[in-house]
Amino acid sequence: MRKKIGMILGAVLLVAALLAGCGKAPADTAASSQPAAGTTAAAEGNLVVKMLNVGQGDAILIQTPAQTVLIDTSDLDERDKLRQELKKAGVTKIDKVILTHPHADHIGGMEVVLSEFEVKEVYDNGMPSTSKIYLGYMKQLKAKGIAHKALKAGDVLDFGGGASFHVYAPTESHQQEGRQKGYKHDPNNESVVGKLVFGEFAMMFTGDAEKKEEEPIVGGFGGELKAQVLKAGHHGSKTSSSKEFLRAVQPETALISCGAGNDYGHPHKETMKKYKALHLKIFETDKNGTITVSTDGKTYTVTPEQGEQQ
């Protein structure tokens, strides 16, 4: 009898020990503030993305329950518009600025952003540039002691509140190649490309990536690229939004940042034809003004400042 009781007590103690072990991680397990690639944290509250009406350039504001993020900063001659749009959105500080590539219509507003707003961190594609605007903001970052980091494929940024940004380009090998003396840069195809994830909602950010950069992204990440909303690459140019890329992303909605009557003819009719063949809901800043996407992590709505979807 005593032997039987002892066996029962032993079994109880073993189960208790196992349950206790499930309650916490081992002491040598490091905690991470960023979700692992391919995983998503639970969405908290609501997230808002605003494609700002800043003419031909790009400037996209992301407001999560915890952070304010700005992807690109418009062109030099659109700095007043950028300033007005940010203030209209109630922005006083910016936790993260992500610059997709060093063309003027994407980094032109950095002087305003760094001079008039509290900025915590700046990220870019890790490629050197001789652009005066690039060299100017790098000097400002150093003077203000603002952290500067390069993004590469595989990185995941925590935007807070359950929102994360998964980076698909450029690759580390591409960055290393780009730092070699004599390398001929192709800024559009060195763009930071990544996906914002918030619960079941996702939005693809493309900078000015063209088919040349889209192809290796599809080849390397394929099934990970699906997103309900697509920020049209290169302002809706025919050089972007390849059929293979669109097939991988499977968007429902396309947002295009472009200036009214721009000299480039953006968005190009070839791109619009592809979007319409897929029955996408299409919005353009030149026709719709600032375009606002709101989501609770399950459903989303798109609200144009003016006009309607195409």
Protein backbone atom coordinates (compact mmCIF):
# COMPACT_ATOMS: atom_id res chain seq x y z
CA MET A 1 0.00 0.00 0.00
CA ARG A 2 2.80 2.39 0.99
CA LYS A 3 4.59 1.54 -2.24
CA LYS A 4 1.46 2.37 -4.27
CA ILE A 5 0.98 5.70 -2.45
CA GLY A 6 4.63 6.54 -3.09
CA MET A 7 4.22 5.86 -6.81
CA ILE A 8 1.15 8.11 -6.95
CA LEU A 9 2.95 10.93 -5.11
CA GLY A 10 5.90 10.58 -7.45
CA ALA A 11 3.67 10.88 -10.52
CA VAL A 12 1.96 13.98 -9.06
CA LEU A 13 5.33 15.63 -8.38
CA LEU A 14 6.53 14.83 -11.91
CA VAL A 15 3.42 16.39 -13.49
CA ALA A 16 3.80 19.47 -11.27
CA ALA A 17 7.41 19.87 -12.32
CA LEU A 18 6.51 19.61 -15.99
CA LEU A 19 3.74 22.21 -15.66
CA ALA A 20 6.08 24.57 -13.83
CA GLY A 21 8.60 24.18 -16.64
CA CYS A 22 5.97 25.26 -19.18
CA GLY A 23 5.31 28.48 -17.30
CA LYS A 24 8.60 30.25 -18.11
CA ALA A 25 11.47 30.17 -20.55
CA PRO A 26 14.83 28.74 -19.53
CA ALA A 27 17.15 31.26 -17.86
CA ASP A 28 19.52 31.36 -20.84
CA THR A 29 16.80 32.21 -23.41
CA ALA A 30 17.21 35.80 -24.65
CA ALA A 31 14.09 37.96 -24.92
CA SER A 32 13.44 39.76 -28.21
CA SER A 33 11.46 42.95 -28.72
CA GLN A 34 10.87 42.03 -32.36
CA PRO A 35 8.63 39.25 -33.68
CA ALA A 36 10.42 36.57 -35.64
CA ALA A 37 10.12 36.63 -39.41
CA GLY A 38 6.93 34.97 -40.54
CA THR A 39 5.17 35.50 -37.20
CA THR A 40 2.77 38.25 -36.14
CA ALA A 41 1.94 39.70 -32.74
CA ALA A 42 -1.66 40.29 -31.69
CA ALA A 43 -3.04 43.56 -33.05
CA GLU A 44 -3.90 46.16 -30.42
CA GLY A 45 -6.47 48.87 -31.15
CA ASN A 46 -6.36 50.47 -34.59
CA LEU A 47 -3.68 51.31 -37.12
CA VAL A 48 -3.81 54.15 -39.65
CA VAL A 49 -1.77 54.54 -42.84
CA LYS A 50 -1.89 57.86 -44.69
CA MET A 51 -0.47 58.21 -48.19
CA LEU A 52 0.14 61.95 -47.99
CA ASN A 53 -0.72 64.27 -50.85
CA VAL A 54 2.75 65.65 -51.52
CA GLY A 55 2.82 65.89 -55.31
CA GLN A 56 5.02 63.56 -57.35
CA GLY A 57 7.07 62.31 -54.40
CA ASP A 58 6.36 59.68 -51.76
CA ALA A 59 5.58 60.27 -48.10
CA ILE A 60 3.53 57.69 -46.20
CA LEU A 61 2.61 58.09 -42.54
CA ILE A 62 1.94 55.05 -40.34
CA GLN A 63 0.35 55.59 -36.93
CA THR A 64 0.21 52.46 -34.78
CA PRO A 65 -1.18 52.32 -31.23
CA ALA A 66 2.41 52.86 -30.01
CA GLN A 67 4.52 54.55 -32.70
CA THR A 68 4.57 57.07 -35.53
CA VAL A 69 6.50 55.98 -38.62
CA LEU A 70 7.21 57.93 -41.82
CA ILE A 71 8.23 56.11 -45.00
CA ASP A 72 9.91 58.61 -47.36
CA THR A 73 9.67 62.39 -47.12
CA SER A 74 8.57 63.79 -50.53
CA ASP A 75 10.56 66.12 -52.82
CA LEU A 76 12.47 69.34 -52.16
CA ASP A 77 9.78 71.54 -53.71
CA GLU A 78 7.03 69.79 -51.73
CA ARG A 79 8.41 70.43 -48.25
CA ASP A 80 5.65 72.88 -47.35
CA LYS A 81 3.03 70.28 -48.29
CA LEU A 82 4.81 67.67 -46.18
CA ARG A 83 4.95 70.02 -43.21
CA GLN A 84 1.24 70.82 -43.53
CA GLU A 85 0.21 67.17 -43.92
CA LEU A 86 2.20 66.04 -40.89
CA LYS A 87 0.81 68.80 -38.70
CA LYS A 88 -2.71 68.10 -39.98
CA ALA A 89 -2.23 64.48 -38.85
CA GLY A 90 -1.22 65.70 -35.37
CA VAL A 91 2.39 64.56 -35.66
CA THR A 92 4.83 66.04 -33.12
CA LYS A 93 7.40 63.25 -32.93
CA ILE A 94 8.41 60.47 -35.31
CA ASP A 95 9.70 57.20 -33.88
CA LYS A 96 11.07 55.87 -37.16
CA VAL A 97 11.82 57.36 -40.56
CA ILE A 98 12.41 54.82 -43.35
CA LEU A 99 13.97 56.14 -46.56
CA THR A 100 13.53 53.67 -49.38
CA HIS A 101 16.26 55.09 -51.64
CA PRO A 102 18.13 58.41 -52.08
CA HIS A 103 16.21 59.99 -54.97
CA ALA A 104 15.15 63.56 -54.25
CA ASP A 105 11.40 62.81 -54.47
CA HIS A 106 11.78 60.36 -51.57
CA ILE A 107 14.32 62.08 -49.28
CA GLY A 108 13.74 65.74 -50.19
CA GLY A 109 11.82 66.58 -47.02
CA MET A 110 14.39 65.25 -44.54
CA GLU A 111 15.61 68.73 -43.58
CA VAL A 112 12.08 69.70 -42.52
CA VAL A 113 11.52 66.40 -40.70
CA LEU A 114 14.79 66.58 -38.76
CA SER A 115 14.53 70.31 -38.02
CA GLU A 116 10.88 70.53 -36.98
CA PHE A 117 10.03 67.13 -35.49
CA GLU A 118 11.55 64.96 -32.80
CA VAL A 119 12.98 61.94 -34.64
CA LYS A 120 14.25 58.86 -32.79
CA GLU A 121 15.62 56.59 -35.54
CA VAL A 122 16.33 56.72 -39.28
CA TYR A 123 16.60 53.69 -41.55
CA ASP A 124 17.66 53.50 -45.19
CA ASN A 125 18.83 50.97 -47.79
CA GLY A 126 22.44 50.94 -46.62
CA MET A 127 23.75 52.14 -49.98
CA PRO A 128 26.21 55.07 -50.17
CA SER A 129 25.20 58.10 -52.21
CA THR A 130 26.83 61.32 -53.43
CA SER A 131 23.47 63.13 -53.41
CA LYS A 132 23.72 66.50 -51.65
CA ILE A 133 20.40 65.81 -49.94
CA TYR A 134 21.67 62.44 -48.68
CA LEU A 135 24.95 63.92 -47.43
CA GLY A 136 23.02 66.77 -45.82
CA TYR A 137 20.70 64.58 -43.78
CA MET A 138 23.55 62.27 -42.78
CA LYS A 139 25.33 65.33 -41.38
CA GLN A 140 22.16 66.35 -39.51
CA LEU A 141 21.80 62.85 -38.02
CA LYS A 142 25.35 62.95 -36.71
CA ALA A 143 24.94 66.45 -35.27
CA LYS A 144 21.70 65.49 -33.49
CA GLY A 145 22.92 62.07 -32.35
CA ILE A 146 20.02 60.28 -34.09
CA ALA A 147 20.44 56.54 -34.60
CA HIS A 148 20.94 55.52 -38.22
CA LYS A 149 20.61 51.92 -39.43
CA ALA A 150 20.52 50.05 -42.74
CA LEU A 151 17.67 47.66 -43.57
CA LYS A 152 18.24 44.39 -45.38
CA ALA A 153 16.13 41.42 -46.47
CA GLY A 154 15.11 39.32 -43.48
CA ASP A 155 14.99 42.21 -41.00
CA VAL A 156 11.81 42.74 -38.98
CA LEU A 157 11.05 46.09 -37.32
CA ASP A 158 8.67 46.35 -34.39
CA PHE A 159 6.28 49.28 -34.90
CA GLY A 160 4.52 48.67 -31.57
CA GLY A 161 0.92 47.72 -30.81
CA GLY A 162 1.32 44.42 -32.64
CA ALA A 163 2.46 46.05 -35.91
CA SER A 164 5.64 44.87 -37.62
CA PHE A 165 7.52 45.62 -40.84
CA HIS A 166 9.09 42.68 -42.72
CA VAL A 167 11.91 43.62 -45.09
CA TYR A 168 12.39 41.81 -48.43
CA ALA A 169 14.99 44.01 -50.17
CA PRO A 170 17.78 44.93 -50.60
CA THR A 171 19.74 41.80 -49.75
CA GLU A 172 22.90 41.97 -47.67
CA SER A 173 24.96 40.75 -50.64
CA HIS A 174 23.49 43.55 -52.79
CA GLN A 175 24.48 46.09 -50.13
CA GLN A 176 28.02 44.72 -49.97
CA GLU A 177 28.27 44.88 -53.75
CA GLY A 178 26.98 48.45 -53.67
CA ARG A 179 29.74 49.54 -51.33
CA GLN A 180 32.45 48.41 -53.71
CA LYS A 181 34.45 51.09 -55.51
CA GLY A 182 33.29 51.62 -59.06
CA TYR A 183 29.87 50.01 -58.53
CA LYS A 184 27.22 51.60 -60.75
CA HIS A 185 24.19 52.33 -58.61
CA ASP A 186 20.59 51.87 -59.74
CA PRO A 187 18.70 53.56 -56.84
CA ASN A 188 15.20 52.48 -57.90
CA ASN A 189 16.26 48.84 -57.81
CA GLU A 190 18.02 49.29 -54.48
CA SER A 191 14.77 50.38 -52.82
CA VAL A 192 13.75 49.14 -49.39
CA VAL A 193 10.77 46.86 -50.02
CA GLY A 194 8.78 45.55 -47.08
CA LYS A 195 5.40 44.53 -45.75
CA LEU A 196 3.52 46.12 -42.87
CA VAL A 197 1.69 43.44 -40.87
CA PHE A 198 -1.02 44.18 -38.29
CA GLY A 199 -3.08 41.18 -37.27
CA GLU A 200 -4.67 39.77 -40.43
CA PHE A 201 -4.02 42.99 -42.37
CA ALA A 202 -0.96 43.58 -44.55
CA MET A 203 0.25 46.36 -46.84
CA MET A 204 3.19 46.10 -49.25
CA PHE A 205 5.59 49.04 -49.52
CA THR A 206 7.71 49.13 -52.68
CA GLY A 207 9.59 52.43 -52.96
CA ASP A 208 10.50 52.75 -56.64
CA ALA A 209 11.35 49.06 -57.11
CA GLU A 210 11.05 47.96 -60.72
CA LYS A 211 10.70 44.51 -62.26
CA LYS A 212 14.48 44.03 -61.89
CA GLU A 213 14.13 44.13 -58.09
CA GLU A 214 10.70 42.52 -57.94
CA GLU A 215 11.92 39.29 -59.56
CA PRO A 216 14.42 38.24 -56.84
CA ILE A 217 11.92 39.25 -54.15
CA VAL A 218 9.33 36.90 -55.62
CA GLY A 219 11.95 34.19 -56.04
CA GLY A 220 13.17 34.54 -52.47
CA PHE A 221 9.96 35.14 -50.54
CA GLY A 222 7.08 34.02 -52.81
CA GLY A 223 4.23 33.02 -50.53
CA GLU A 224 5.17 35.53 -47.82
CA LEU A 225 4.30 38.51 -50.01
CA LYS A 226 0.50 38.37 -49.92
CA ALA A 227 -1.06 41.69 -48.83
CA GLN A 228 -4.46 43.31 -49.17
CA VAL A 229 -3.05 46.74 -50.03
CA LEU A 230 -0.22 47.53 -52.44
CA LYS A 231 1.68 50.80 -52.50
CA ALA A 232 2.26 50.96 -56.26
CA GLY A 233 5.92 50.78 -57.17
CA HIS A 234 7.56 53.80 -58.83
CA HIS A 235 4.40 55.96 -58.79
CA GLY A 236 2.52 53.51 -61.01
CA SER A 237 5.23 53.29 -63.67
CA LYS A 238 5.12 50.56 -66.32
CA THR A 239 8.59 49.52 -65.14
CA SER A 240 7.04 48.21 -61.91
CA SER A 241 4.11 46.00 -60.88
CA SER A 242 5.19 43.02 -62.97
CA LYS A 243 2.63 40.26 -63.44
CA GLU A 244 4.74 37.89 -61.32
CA PHE A 245 4.93 40.38 -58.46
CA LEU A 246 1.20 41.11 -58.57
CA ARG A 247 0.49 37.37 -58.65
CA ALA A 248 2.57 36.90 -55.48
CA VAL A 249 1.11 39.88 -53.58
CA GLN A 250 -2.51 39.27 -54.63
CA PRO A 251 -3.64 42.79 -53.64
CA GLU A 252 -7.21 43.98 -53.43
CA THR A 253 -6.35 47.69 -53.39
CA ALA A 254 -3.60 49.77 -55.02
CA LEU A 255 -2.51 53.20 -53.79
CA ILE A 256 -0.55 55.45 -56.17
CA SER A 257 1.42 58.54 -55.14
CA CYS A 258 1.86 60.93 -58.06
CA GLY A 259 1.58 64.60 -58.97
CA ALA A 260 -1.22 66.05 -61.06
CA GLY A 261 -0.12 66.45 -64.69
CA ASN A 262 3.37 65.11 -63.89
CA ASP A 263 5.99 65.03 -66.67
CA TYR A 264 6.41 61.26 -66.40
CA GLY A 265 2.83 60.37 -67.31
CA HIS A 266 2.42 58.44 -64.04
CA PRO A 267 0.53 56.27 -63.53
CA HIS A 268 1.20 54.62 -66.87
CA LYS A 269 -1.71 53.13 -68.81
CA GLU A 270 0.06 49.73 -68.92
CA THR A 271 0.05 49.55 -65.12
CA MET A 272 -3.54 50.73 -64.83
CA LYS A 273 -4.57 48.06 -67.33
CA LYS A 274 -2.98 45.36 -65.14
CA TYR A 275 -4.66 46.70 -62.01
CA LYS A 276 -8.06 46.90 -63.66
CA ALA A 277 -7.71 43.38 -65.07
CA LEU A 278 -7.32 42.22 -61.46
CA HIS A 279 -10.34 44.32 -60.41
CA LEU A 280 -8.28 46.27 -57.89
CA LYS A 281 -9.68 49.28 -56.08
CA ILE A 282 -7.37 52.09 -57.24
CA PHE A 283 -6.67 55.39 -55.50
CA GLU A 284 -4.30 58.18 -56.63
CA THR A 285 -3.09 61.17 -54.63
CA ASP A 286 -3.37 63.45 -57.68
CA LYS A 287 -7.10 62.70 -57.88
CA ASN A 288 -7.96 61.67 -54.30
CA GLY A 289 -5.67 63.86 -52.18
CA THR A 290 -4.38 62.19 -49.01
CA ILE A 291 -5.55 58.57 -48.88
CA THR A 292 -6.23 57.04 -45.46
CA VAL A 293 -6.25 53.31 -44.72
CA SER A 294 -7.67 52.31 -41.31
CA THR A 295 -7.63 48.81 -39.85
CA ASP A 296 -8.37 46.97 -36.63
CA GLY A 297 -6.22 44.05 -37.77
CA LYS A 298 -9.18 42.18 -39.23
CA THR A 299 -10.94 44.47 -41.70
CA TYR A 300 -9.80 47.69 -43.33
CA THR A 301 -11.28 50.77 -44.96
CA VAL A 302 -9.81 53.20 -47.48
CA THR A 303 -10.96 56.82 -47.25
CA PRO A 304 -9.88 59.35 -49.90
CA GLU A 305 -9.72 63.04 -49.02
CA GLN A 306 -11.67 63.74 -52.20
CA GLY A 307 -13.13 61.88 -55.17
CA GLU A 308 -13.72 58.14 -55.35
CA GLN A 309 -11.85 54.96 -56.25
CA GLN A 310 -11.25 54.06 -59.88
